[in-house]
Amino acid sequence: MIGVLMGILFPFLLLGILLGLNWILQSLFGLHFTRHIHYLYLLSMTANLFPLRYYLAKLNYEKTGMGLLLMTIAGVIGYFYAFGVGG
């Protein structure tokens, strides 16, 4: 259960940071990180990689790591379902 909650929370935190940085970049220089803003949703899924490795390789907490992995896979599949494979 902890892995599932972390798997949901970490990408949203990174997405908030990325959107904030994108807003600052837009307001100061008129630029964006990416061509389409929804690419930041997919990039935010990388927030689960570091705790995933930590829980699976270092601590050997398989259930927590599998919860993180499940939420990462579900997020990526949800992204491609919502925005299509071709973008």
PDB file of N, CA and C in Angstrom:
ATOM      1  N   MET A   1       0.820  -1.192   0.000  1.00  0.00           N
ATOM      2  CA  MET A   1       0.000   0.000   0.000  1.00  0.00           C
ATOM      3  C   MET A   1       0.869   1.264   0.000  1.00  0.00           C
ATOM      4  N   ILE A   2       1.976   1.212   0.710  1.00  0.00           N
ATOM      5  CA  ILE A   2       2.875   2.365   0.757  1.00  0.00           C
ATOM      6  C   ILE A   2       3.453   2.633  -0.627  1.00  0.00           C
ATOM      7  N   GLY A   3       3.817   1.586  -1.335  1.00  0.00           N
ATOM      8  CA  GLY A   3       4.358   1.744  -2.679  1.00  0.00           C
ATOM      9  C   GLY A   3       3.355   2.359  -3.634  1.00  0.00           C
ATOM     10  N   VAL A   4       2.105   1.973  -3.512  1.00  0.00           N
ATOM     11  CA  VAL A   4       1.058   2.534  -4.370  1.00  0.00           C
ATOM     12  C   VAL A   4       0.885   4.025  -4.075  1.00  0.00           C
ATOM     13  N   LEU A   5       0.862   4.383  -2.802  1.00  0.00           N
ATOM     14  CA  LEU A   5       0.706   5.797  -2.443  1.00  0.00           C
ATOM     15  C   LEU A   5       1.909   6.614  -2.899  1.00  0.00           C
ATOM     16  N   MET A   6       3.108   6.081  -2.717  1.00  0.00           N
ATOM     17  CA  MET A   6       4.301   6.787  -3.179  1.00  0.00           C
ATOM     18  C   MET A   6       4.313   6.866  -4.702  1.00  0.00           C
ATOM     19  N   GLY A   7       3.864   5.816  -5.361  1.00  0.00           N
ATOM     20  CA  GLY A   7       3.817   5.800  -6.813  1.00  0.00           C
ATOM     21  C   GLY A   7       2.850   6.816  -7.387  1.00  0.00           C
ATOM     22  N   ILE A   8       1.867   7.204  -6.619  1.00  0.00           N
ATOM     23  CA  ILE A   8       0.940   8.250  -7.042  1.00  0.00           C
ATOM     24  C   ILE A   8       1.476   9.631  -6.673  1.00  0.00           C
ATOM     25  N   LEU A   9       2.044   9.751  -5.485  1.00  0.00           N
ATOM     26  CA  LEU A   9       2.470  11.048  -4.961  1.00  0.00           C
ATOM     27  C   LEU A   9       3.701  11.616  -5.669  1.00  0.00           C
ATOM     28  N   PHE A  10       4.736  10.808  -5.871  1.00  0.00           N
ATOM     29  CA  PHE A  10       5.989  11.308  -6.435  1.00  0.00           C
ATOM     30  C   PHE A  10       5.839  11.899  -7.838  1.00  0.00           C
ATOM     31  N   PRO A  11       5.125  11.247  -8.760  1.00  0.00           N
ATOM     32  CA  PRO A  11       4.960  11.886 -10.075  1.00  0.00           C
ATOM     33  C   PRO A  11       4.187  13.205 -10.014  1.00  0.00           C
ATOM     34  N   PHE A  12       3.196  13.302  -9.121  1.00  0.00           N
ATOM     35  CA  PHE A  12       2.466  14.562  -9.005  1.00  0.00           C
ATOM     36  C   PHE A  12       3.349  15.665  -8.442  1.00  0.00           C
ATOM     37  N   LEU A  13       4.232  15.324  -7.509  1.00  0.00           N
ATOM     38  CA  LEU A  13       5.159  16.326  -6.985  1.00  0.00           C
ATOM     39  C   LEU A  13       6.112  16.810  -8.075  1.00  0.00           C
ATOM     40  N   LEU A  14       6.680  15.866  -8.829  1.00  0.00           N
ATOM     41  CA  LEU A  14       7.582  16.253  -9.906  1.00  0.00           C
ATOM     42  C   LEU A  14       6.842  17.025 -10.991  1.00  0.00           C
ATOM     43  N   LEU A  15       5.616  16.646 -11.281  1.00  0.00           N
ATOM     44  CA  LEU A  15       4.824  17.374 -12.269  1.00  0.00           C
ATOM     45  C   LEU A  15       4.579  18.811 -11.814  1.00  0.00           C
ATOM     46  N   GLY A  16       4.293  18.997 -10.542  1.00  0.00           N
ATOM     47  CA  GLY A  16       4.116  20.352 -10.027  1.00  0.00           C
ATOM     48  C   GLY A  16       5.378  21.181 -10.150  1.00  0.00           C
ATOM     49  N   ILE A  17       6.521  20.564  -9.866  1.00  0.00           N
ATOM     50  CA  ILE A  17       7.797  21.264 -10.008  1.00  0.00           C
ATOM     51  C   ILE A  17       8.053  21.613 -11.469  1.00  0.00           C
ATOM     52  N   LEU A  18       7.832  20.655 -12.364  1.00  0.00           N
ATOM     53  CA  LEU A  18       8.066  20.894 -13.790  1.00  0.00           C
ATOM     54  C   LEU A  18       7.128  21.965 -14.352  1.00  0.00           C
ATOM     55  N   LEU A  19       5.866  21.929 -13.955  1.00  0.00           N
ATOM     56  CA  LEU A  19       4.923  22.942 -14.424  1.00  0.00           C
ATOM     57  C   LEU A  19       5.286  24.318 -13.879  1.00  0.00           C
ATOM     58  N   GLY A  20       5.753  24.368 -12.625  1.00  0.00           N
ATOM     59  CA  GLY A  20       6.192  25.641 -12.066  1.00  0.00           C
ATOM     60  C   GLY A  20       7.409  26.190 -12.789  1.00  0.00           C
ATOM     61  N   LEU A  21       8.378  25.329 -13.068  1.00  0.00           N
ATOM     62  CA  LEU A  21       9.559  25.762 -13.814  1.00  0.00           C
ATOM     63  C   LEU A  21       9.199  26.179 -15.238  1.00  0.00           C
ATOM     64  N   ASN A  22       8.270  25.454 -15.838  1.00  0.00           N
ATOM     65  CA  ASN A  22       7.822  25.798 -17.180  1.00  0.00           C
ATOM     66  C   ASN A  22       7.120  27.164 -17.182  1.00  0.00           C
ATOM     67  N   TRP A  23       6.327  27.430 -16.151  1.00  0.00           N
ATOM     68  CA  TRP A  23       5.646  28.717 -16.045  1.00  0.00           C
ATOM     69  C   TRP A  23       6.656  29.854 -15.881  1.00  0.00           C
ATOM     70  N   ILE A  24       7.673  29.640 -15.040  1.00  0.00           N
ATOM     71  CA  ILE A  24       8.714  30.655 -14.851  1.00  0.00           C
ATOM     72  C   ILE A  24       9.463  30.899 -16.157  1.00  0.00           C
ATOM     73  N   LEU A  25       9.818  29.814 -16.845  1.00  0.00           N
ATOM     74  CA  LEU A  25      10.519  29.938 -18.117  1.00  0.00           C
ATOM     75  C   LEU A  25       9.664  30.663 -19.152  1.00  0.00           C
ATOM     76  N   GLN A  26       8.367  30.382 -19.158  1.00  0.00           N
ATOM     77  CA  GLN A  26       7.443  31.031 -20.090  1.00  0.00           C
ATOM     78  C   GLN A  26       7.309  32.508 -19.775  1.00  0.00           C
ATOM     79  N   SER A  27       7.177  32.843 -18.500  1.00  0.00           N
ATOM     80  CA  SER A  27       6.957  34.253 -18.155  1.00  0.00           C
ATOM     81  C   SER A  27       8.225  35.093 -18.323  1.00  0.00           C
ATOM     82  N   LEU A  28       9.401  34.507 -18.121  1.00  0.00           N
ATOM     83  CA  LEU A  28      10.637  35.287 -18.243  1.00  0.00           C
ATOM     84  C   LEU A  28      11.144  35.374 -19.682  1.00  0.00           C
ATOM     85  N   PHE A  29      11.113  34.247 -20.393  1.00  0.00           N
ATOM     86  CA  PHE A  29      11.747  34.193 -21.699  1.00  0.00           C
ATOM     87  C   PHE A  29      10.800  33.857 -22.846  1.00  0.00           C
ATOM     88  N   GLY A  30       9.574  33.504 -22.559  1.00  0.00           N
ATOM     89  CA  GLY A  30       8.636  33.143 -23.610  1.00  0.00           C
ATOM     90  C   GLY A  30       8.908  31.776 -24.213  1.00  0.00           C
ATOM     91  N   LEU A  31       9.558  30.884 -23.468  1.00  0.00           N
ATOM     92  CA  LEU A  31       9.903  29.544 -23.945  1.00  0.00           C
ATOM     93  C   LEU A  31       9.186  28.491 -23.115  1.00  0.00           C
ATOM     94  N   HIS A  32       9.140  27.274 -23.653  1.00  0.00           N
ATOM     95  CA  HIS A  32       8.587  26.122 -22.945  1.00  0.00           C
ATOM     96  C   HIS A  32       9.641  25.024 -22.912  1.00  0.00           C
ATOM     97  N   PHE A  33       9.480  24.094 -21.954  1.00  0.00           N
ATOM     98  CA  PHE A  33      10.362  22.931 -21.905  1.00  0.00           C
ATOM     99  C   PHE A  33      10.187  22.047 -23.139  1.00  0.00           C
ATOM    100  N   THR A  34       8.948  21.810 -23.497  1.00  0.00           N
ATOM    101  CA  THR A  34       8.638  20.887 -24.588  1.00  0.00           C
ATOM    102  C   THR A  34       7.679  21.541 -25.562  1.00  0.00           C
ATOM    103  N   ARG A  35       7.505  20.894 -26.684  1.00  0.00           N
ATOM    104  CA  ARG A  35       6.570  21.392 -27.689  1.00  0.00           C
ATOM    105  C   ARG A  35       5.135  21.264 -27.188  1.00  0.00           C
ATOM    106  N   HIS A  36       4.810  20.140 -26.571  1.00  0.00           N
ATOM    107  CA  HIS A  36       3.473  19.913 -26.022  1.00  0.00           C
ATOM    108  C   HIS A  36       3.593  19.768 -24.514  1.00  0.00           C
ATOM    109  N   ILE A  37       2.733  20.440 -23.791  1.00  0.00           N
ATOM    110  CA  ILE A  37       2.818  20.453 -22.335  1.00  0.00           C
ATOM    111  C   ILE A  37       2.517  19.081 -21.734  1.00  0.00           C
ATOM    112  N   HIS A  38       1.763  18.240 -22.443  1.00  0.00           N
ATOM    113  CA  HIS A  38       1.436  16.930 -21.889  1.00  0.00           C
ATOM    114  C   HIS A  38       2.642  16.000 -21.860  1.00  0.00           C
ATOM    115  N   TYR A  39       3.736  16.351 -22.520  1.00  0.00           N
ATOM    116  CA  TYR A  39       4.959  15.550 -22.397  1.00  0.00           C
ATOM    117  C   TYR A  39       5.513  15.609 -20.975  1.00  0.00           C
ATOM    118  N   LEU A  40       5.208  16.671 -20.254  1.00  0.00           N
ATOM    119  CA  LEU A  40       5.661  16.770 -18.871  1.00  0.00           C
ATOM    120  C   LEU A  40       4.993  15.724 -17.983  1.00  0.00           C
ATOM    121  N   TYR A  41       3.772  15.316 -18.324  1.00  0.00           N
ATOM    122  CA  TYR A  41       3.110  14.245 -17.581  1.00  0.00           C
ATOM    123  C   TYR A  41       3.906  12.945 -17.705  1.00  0.00           C
ATOM    124  N   LEU A  42       4.347  12.642 -18.895  1.00  0.00           N
ATOM    125  CA  LEU A  42       5.130  11.426 -19.106  1.00  0.00           C
ATOM    126  C   LEU A  42       6.491  11.536 -18.427  1.00  0.00           C
ATOM    127  N   LEU A  43       7.100  12.692 -18.482  1.00  0.00           N
ATOM    128  CA  LEU A  43       8.388  12.901 -17.835  1.00  0.00           C
ATOM    129  C   LEU A  43       8.275  12.781 -16.319  1.00  0.00           C
ATOM    130  N   SER A  44       7.152  13.139 -15.770  1.00  0.00           N
ATOM    131  CA  SER A  44       6.982  13.072 -14.323  1.00  0.00           C
ATOM    132  C   SER A  44       6.958  11.627 -13.813  1.00  0.00           C
ATOM    133  N   MET A  45       6.709  10.675 -14.671  1.00  0.00           N
ATOM    134  CA  MET A  45       6.739   9.269 -14.253  1.00  0.00           C
ATOM    135  C   MET A  45       8.142   8.819 -13.855  1.00  0.00           C
ATOM    136  N   THR A  46       9.165   9.542 -14.293  1.00  0.00           N
ATOM    137  CA  THR A  46      10.531   9.174 -13.929  1.00  0.00           C
ATOM    138  C   THR A  46      10.810   9.408 -12.454  1.00  0.00           C
ATOM    139  N   ALA A  47       9.936  10.112 -11.754  1.00  0.00           N
ATOM    140  CA  ALA A  47      10.126  10.332 -10.323  1.00  0.00           C
ATOM    141  C   ALA A  47      10.078   9.025  -9.544  1.00  0.00           C
ATOM    142  N   ASN A  48       9.456   8.011 -10.098  1.00  0.00           N
ATOM    143  CA  ASN A  48       9.359   6.725  -9.413  1.00  0.00           C
ATOM    144  C   ASN A  48      10.596   5.852  -9.587  1.00  0.00           C
ATOM    145  N   LEU A  49      11.503   6.218 -10.464  1.00  0.00           N
ATOM    146  CA  LEU A  49      12.653   5.355 -10.722  1.00  0.00           C
ATOM    147  C   LEU A  49      13.601   5.249  -9.540  1.00  0.00           C
ATOM    148  N   PHE A  50      13.880   6.365  -8.884  1.00  0.00           N
ATOM    149  CA  PHE A  50      14.830   6.339  -7.779  1.00  0.00           C
ATOM    150  C   PHE A  50      14.305   5.596  -6.553  1.00  0.00           C
ATOM    151  N   PRO A  51      13.071   5.874  -6.093  1.00  0.00           N
ATOM    152  CA  PRO A  51      12.582   5.063  -4.970  1.00  0.00           C
ATOM    153  C   PRO A  51      12.342   3.603  -5.363  1.00  0.00           C
ATOM    154  N   LEU A  52      12.017   3.347  -6.618  1.00  0.00           N
ATOM    155  CA  LEU A  52      11.832   1.973  -7.067  1.00  0.00           C
ATOM    156  C   LEU A  52      13.120   1.172  -6.924  1.00  0.00           C
ATOM    157  N   ARG A  53      14.211   1.739  -7.372  1.00  0.00           N
ATOM    158  CA  ARG A  53      15.492   1.064  -7.246  1.00  0.00           C
ATOM    159  C   ARG A  53      15.891   0.917  -5.781  1.00  0.00           C
ATOM    160  N   TYR A  54      15.625   1.948  -4.994  1.00  0.00           N
ATOM    161  CA  TYR A  54      15.993   1.916  -3.585  1.00  0.00           C
ATOM    162  C   TYR A  54      15.249   0.803  -2.851  1.00  0.00           C
ATOM    163  N   TYR A  55      13.955   0.703  -3.073  1.00  0.00           N
ATOM    164  CA  TYR A  55      13.168  -0.297  -2.356  1.00  0.00           C
ATOM    165  C   TYR A  55      13.401  -1.712  -2.876  1.00  0.00           C
ATOM    166  N   LEU A  56      13.674  -1.879  -4.154  1.00  0.00           N
ATOM    167  CA  LEU A  56      13.883  -3.219  -4.683  1.00  0.00           C
ATOM    168  C   LEU A  56      15.318  -3.706  -4.492  1.00  0.00           C
ATOM    169  N   ALA A  57      16.308  -2.858  -4.761  1.00  0.00           N
ATOM    170  CA  ALA A  57      17.699  -3.315  -4.731  1.00  0.00           C
ATOM    171  C   ALA A  57      18.343  -3.166  -3.353  1.00  0.00           C
ATOM    172  N   LYS A  58      18.130  -2.044  -2.701  1.00  0.00           N
ATOM    173  CA  LYS A  58      18.812  -1.793  -1.423  1.00  0.00           C
ATOM    174  C   LYS A  58      18.113  -2.447  -0.242  1.00  0.00           C
ATOM    175  N   LEU A  59      16.819  -2.210  -0.102  1.00  0.00           N
ATOM    176  CA  LEU A  59      16.094  -2.658   1.084  1.00  0.00           C
ATOM    177  C   LEU A  59      15.434  -4.021   0.935  1.00  0.00           C
ATOM    178  N   ASN A  60      15.296  -4.490  -0.280  1.00  0.00           N
ATOM    179  CA  ASN A  60      14.608  -5.759  -0.574  1.00  0.00           C
ATOM    180  C   ASN A  60      13.159  -5.762  -0.071  1.00  0.00           C
ATOM    181  N   TYR A  61      12.485  -4.623  -0.188  1.00  0.00           N
ATOM    182  CA  TYR A  61      11.053  -4.537   0.111  1.00  0.00           C
ATOM    183  C   TYR A  61      10.307  -4.739  -1.195  1.00  0.00           C
ATOM    184  N   GLU A  62      10.051  -5.990  -1.515  1.00  0.00           N
ATOM    185  CA  GLU A  62       9.471  -6.310  -2.813  1.00  0.00           C
ATOM    186  C   GLU A  62       8.061  -5.773  -2.976  1.00  0.00           C
ATOM    187  N   LYS A  63       7.251  -5.838  -1.941  1.00  0.00           N
ATOM    188  CA  LYS A  63       5.862  -5.391  -2.078  1.00  0.00           C
ATOM    189  C   LYS A  63       5.777  -3.877  -2.285  1.00  0.00           C
ATOM    190  N   THR A  64       6.593  -3.120  -1.586  1.00  0.00           N
ATOM    191  CA  THR A  64       6.614  -1.674  -1.784  1.00  0.00           C
ATOM    192  C   THR A  64       7.123  -1.341  -3.181  1.00  0.00           C
ATOM    193  N   GLY A  65       8.175  -2.022  -3.606  1.00  0.00           N
ATOM    194  CA  GLY A  65       8.720  -1.801  -4.946  1.00  0.00           C
ATOM    195  C   GLY A  65       7.734  -2.181  -6.033  1.00  0.00           C
ATOM    196  N   MET A  66       7.013  -3.252  -5.829  1.00  0.00           N
ATOM    197  CA  MET A  66       6.022  -3.665  -6.823  1.00  0.00           C
ATOM    198  C   MET A  66       4.853  -2.693  -6.877  1.00  0.00           C
ATOM    199  N   GLY A  67       4.479  -2.090  -5.748  1.00  0.00           N
ATOM    200  CA  GLY A  67       3.440  -1.055  -5.764  1.00  0.00           C
ATOM    201  C   GLY A  67       3.882   0.157  -6.556  1.00  0.00           C
ATOM    202  N   LEU A  68       5.144   0.546  -6.375  1.00  0.00           N
ATOM    203  CA  LEU A  68       5.700   1.646  -7.166  1.00  0.00           C
ATOM    204  C   LEU A  68       5.713   1.299  -8.650  1.00  0.00           C
ATOM    205  N   LEU A  69       6.139   0.105  -8.970  1.00  0.00           N
ATOM    206  CA  LEU A  69       6.191  -0.329 -10.363  1.00  0.00           C
ATOM    207  C   LEU A  69       4.793  -0.382 -10.977  1.00  0.00           C
ATOM    208  N   LEU A  70       3.832  -0.861 -10.211  1.00  0.00           N
ATOM    209  CA  LEU A  70       2.457  -0.932 -10.698  1.00  0.00           C
ATOM    210  C   LEU A  70       1.914   0.447 -11.031  1.00  0.00           C
ATOM    211  N   MET A  71       2.151   1.417 -10.157  1.00  0.00           N
ATOM    212  CA  MET A  71       1.659   2.775 -10.405  1.00  0.00           C
ATOM    213  C   MET A  71       2.400   3.445 -11.563  1.00  0.00           C
ATOM    214  N   THR A  72       3.670   3.131 -11.737  1.00  0.00           N
ATOM    215  CA  THR A  72       4.421   3.681 -12.864  1.00  0.00           C
ATOM    216  C   THR A  72       3.870   3.144 -14.181  1.00  0.00           C
ATOM    217  N   ILE A  73       3.660   1.852 -14.242  1.00  0.00           N
ATOM    218  CA  ILE A  73       3.122   1.242 -15.460  1.00  0.00           C
ATOM    219  C   ILE A  73       1.702   1.751 -15.730  1.00  0.00           C
ATOM    220  N   ALA A  74       0.899   1.854 -14.676  1.00  0.00           N
ATOM    221  CA  ALA A  74      -0.466   2.345 -14.850  1.00  0.00           C
ATOM    222  C   ALA A  74      -0.466   3.804 -15.333  1.00  0.00           C
ATOM    223  N   GLY A  75       0.456   4.611 -14.818  1.00  0.00           N
ATOM    224  CA  GLY A  75       0.545   5.998 -15.253  1.00  0.00           C
ATOM    225  C   GLY A  75       0.956   6.137 -16.702  1.00  0.00           C
ATOM    226  N   VAL A  76       1.905   5.322 -17.134  1.00  0.00           N
ATOM    227  CA  VAL A  76       2.360   5.373 -18.529  1.00  0.00           C
ATOM    228  C   VAL A  76       1.264   4.874 -19.466  1.00  0.00           C
ATOM    229  N   ILE A  77       0.603   3.801 -19.092  1.00  0.00           N
ATOM    230  CA  ILE A  77      -0.503   3.298 -19.914  1.00  0.00           C
ATOM    231  C   ILE A  77      -1.632   4.325 -19.963  1.00  0.00           C
ATOM    232  N   GLY A  78      -1.929   4.955 -18.827  1.00  0.00           N
ATOM    233  CA  GLY A  78      -2.955   6.000 -18.797  1.00  0.00           C
ATOM    234  C   GLY A  78      -2.583   7.187 -19.672  1.00  0.00           C
ATOM    235  N   TYR A  79      -1.301   7.536 -19.684  1.00  0.00           N
ATOM    236  CA  TYR A  79      -0.852   8.631 -20.549  1.00  0.00           C
ATOM    237  C   TYR A  79      -1.098   8.299 -22.014  1.00  0.00           C
ATOM    238  N   PHE A  80      -0.676   7.106 -22.443  1.00  0.00           N
ATOM    239  CA  PHE A  80      -0.853   6.747 -23.847  1.00  0.00           C
ATOM    240  C   PHE A  80      -2.323   6.551 -24.208  1.00  0.00           C
ATOM    241  N   TYR A  81      -3.138   6.151 -23.247  1.00  0.00           N
ATOM    242  CA  TYR A  81      -4.566   6.044 -23.516  1.00  0.00           C
ATOM    243  C   TYR A  81      -5.178   7.437 -23.687  1.00  0.00           C
ATOM    244  N   ALA A  82      -4.758   8.381 -22.851  1.00  0.00           N
ATOM    245  CA  ALA A  82      -5.339   9.718 -22.883  1.00  0.00           C
ATOM    246  C   ALA A  82      -4.848  10.554 -24.066  1.00  0.00           C
ATOM    247  N   PHE A  83      -3.558  10.438 -24.379  1.00  0.00           N
ATOM    248  CA  PHE A  83      -2.982  11.302 -25.395  1.00  0.00           C
ATOM    249  C   PHE A  83      -2.630  10.587 -26.690  1.00  0.00           C
ATOM    250  N   GLY A  84      -2.853   9.315 -26.763  1.00  0.00           N
ATOM    251  CA  GLY A  84      -2.578   8.561 -27.978  1.00  0.00           C
ATOM    252  C   GLY A  84      -1.110   8.229 -28.122  1.00  0.00           C
ATOM    253  N   VAL A  85      -0.833   7.196 -28.846  1.00  0.00           N
ATOM    254  CA  VAL A  85       0.549   6.731 -29.018  1.00  0.00           C
ATOM    255  C   VAL A  85       1.350   7.719 -29.838  1.00  0.00           C
ATOM    256  N   GLY A  86       0.752   8.340 -30.817  1.00  0.00           N
ATOM    257  CA  GLY A  86       1.476   9.252 -31.701  1.00  0.00           C
ATOM    258  C   GLY A  86       1.651  10.653 -31.139  1.00  0.00           C
ATOM    259  N   GLY A  87       1.053  10.966 -30.013  1.00  0.00           N
ATOM    260  CA  GLY A  87       1.186  12.295 -29.411  1.00  0.00           C
ATOM    261  C   GLY A  87       0.142  13.164 -29.945  1.00  0.00           C
TER     262      GLY A  87
END
